C-alpha atoms as a PDB file:
ATOM      1  CA  MET A   1       3.050  14.896  -8.025  1.00  0.00           C
ATOM      2  CA  ALA A   2       0.661  12.006  -7.021  1.00  0.00           C
ATOM      3  CA  GLY A   3       1.321  10.164  -3.769  1.00  0.00           C
ATOM      4  CA  ARG A   4       2.346   6.533  -3.566  1.00  0.00           C
ATOM      5  CA  TYR A   5       1.102   4.242  -0.998  1.00  0.00           C
ATOM      6  CA  HIS A   6       2.144   0.584  -0.373  1.00  0.00           C
ATOM      7  CA  VAL A   7      -0.313  -1.951   1.346  1.00  0.00           C
ATOM      8  CA  VAL A   8       0.917  -5.453   1.986  1.00  0.00           C
ATOM      9  CA  CYS A   9      -0.598  -8.128   4.163  1.00  0.00           C
ATOM     10  CA  HIS A  10       1.667 -10.066   6.134  1.00  0.00           C
ATOM     11  CA  GLU A  11      -0.312 -13.253   6.154  1.00  0.00           C
ATOM     12  CA  CYS A  12      -1.402 -13.564   2.553  1.00  0.00           C
ATOM     13  CA  ALA A  13      -0.531 -12.590  -0.885  1.00  0.00           C
ATOM     14  CA  PHE A  14      -2.629  -9.423  -0.573  1.00  0.00           C
ATOM     15  CA  GLU A  15      -0.547  -6.206  -1.937  1.00  0.00           C
ATOM     16  CA  GLY A  16      -1.538  -3.082  -3.640  1.00  0.00           C
ATOM     17  CA  LEU A  17       0.257   0.252  -4.705  1.00  0.00           C
ATOM     18  CA  TYR A  18      -2.305   3.240  -4.769  1.00  0.00           C
ATOM     19  CA  GLU A  19      -1.971   6.899  -5.332  1.00  0.00           C
ATOM     20  CA  ASP A  20      -4.764   8.133  -2.991  1.00  0.00           C
ATOM     21  CA  SER A  21      -3.833   7.823   0.764  1.00  0.00           C
ATOM     22  CA  SER A  22      -7.616   7.474   1.846  1.00  0.00           C
ATOM     23  CA  VAL A  23      -8.120   4.470  -0.687  1.00  0.00           C
ATOM     24  CA  ALA A  24      -4.830   2.780   0.381  1.00  0.00           C
ATOM     25  CA  GLU A  25      -6.284   2.675   4.109  1.00  0.00           C
ATOM     26  CA  GLY A  26      -9.508   1.813   3.030  1.00  0.00           C
ATOM     27  CA  GLN A  27      -8.287  -1.466   1.385  1.00  0.00           C
ATOM     28  CA  ARG A  28      -5.874  -1.779   4.169  1.00  0.00           C
ATOM     29  CA  ASP A  29      -8.654  -1.821   6.834  1.00  0.00           C
ATOM     30  CA  ALA A  30     -11.308  -3.902   4.513  1.00  0.00           C
ATOM     31  CA  HIS A  31      -8.435  -6.497   4.115  1.00  0.00           C
ATOM     32  CA  ALA A  32      -7.768  -6.571   7.920  1.00  0.00           C
ATOM     33  CA  SER A  33     -11.446  -6.368   9.022  1.00  0.00           C
ATOM     34  CA  SER A  34     -12.454  -9.109   6.761  1.00  0.00           C
ATOM     35  CA  SER A  35      -9.496 -11.711   7.160  1.00  0.00           C
ATOM     36  CA  GLY A  36      -8.022 -10.805  10.526  1.00  0.00           C
ATOM     37  CA  HIS A  37      -4.752 -10.532   8.997  1.00  0.00           C
ATOM     38  CA  ARG A  38      -1.976  -7.987   9.827  1.00  0.00           C
ATOM     39  CA  MET A  39      -1.754  -5.345   7.450  1.00  0.00           C
ATOM     40  CA  SER A  40       1.114  -2.507   6.933  1.00  0.00           C
ATOM     41  CA  LEU A  41       0.640   0.608   4.795  1.00  0.00           C
ATOM     42  CA  ARG A  42       3.647   2.687   3.827  1.00  0.00           C
ATOM     43  CA  ASP A  43       3.985   6.020   2.086  1.00  0.00           C
ATOM     44  CA  ILE A  44       6.593   5.383  -0.581  1.00  0.00           C
ATOM     45  CA  SER A  45       5.756   8.855  -2.450  1.00  0.00           C
ATOM     46  CA  SER A  46       9.674  10.242  -1.819  1.00  0.00           C
ATOM     47  CA  GLN A  47      11.209   7.106  -2.973  1.00  0.00           C
ATOM     48  CA  GLU A  48      12.546   6.832  -6.521  1.00  0.00           C
ATOM     49  CA  THR A  49      11.178   4.266  -8.893  1.00  0.00           C
ATOM     50  CA  PRO A  50      13.722   1.647  -9.726  1.00  0.00           C
ATOM     51  CA  GLY A  51      14.805   1.627 -13.429  1.00  0.00           C
ATOM     52  CA  LEU A  52      13.539   5.041 -14.053  1.00  0.00           C
ATOM     53  CA  SER A  53      16.601   7.473 -13.200  1.00  0.00           C
ATOM     54  CA  GLN A  54      18.852   8.344 -15.870  1.00  0.00           C
END
């Protein structure tokens, strides 16, 4: 099962979902570096996907 990582900027609309932690970290770090914005990265791999449970 692939991982799921949620990256969010706290100061603009930048947001993304990634299956690879190194890609998520890279996107977070690149945006923070270029913008100076505060970022969050959360591993949501173990959370259920809304609407897919039966």
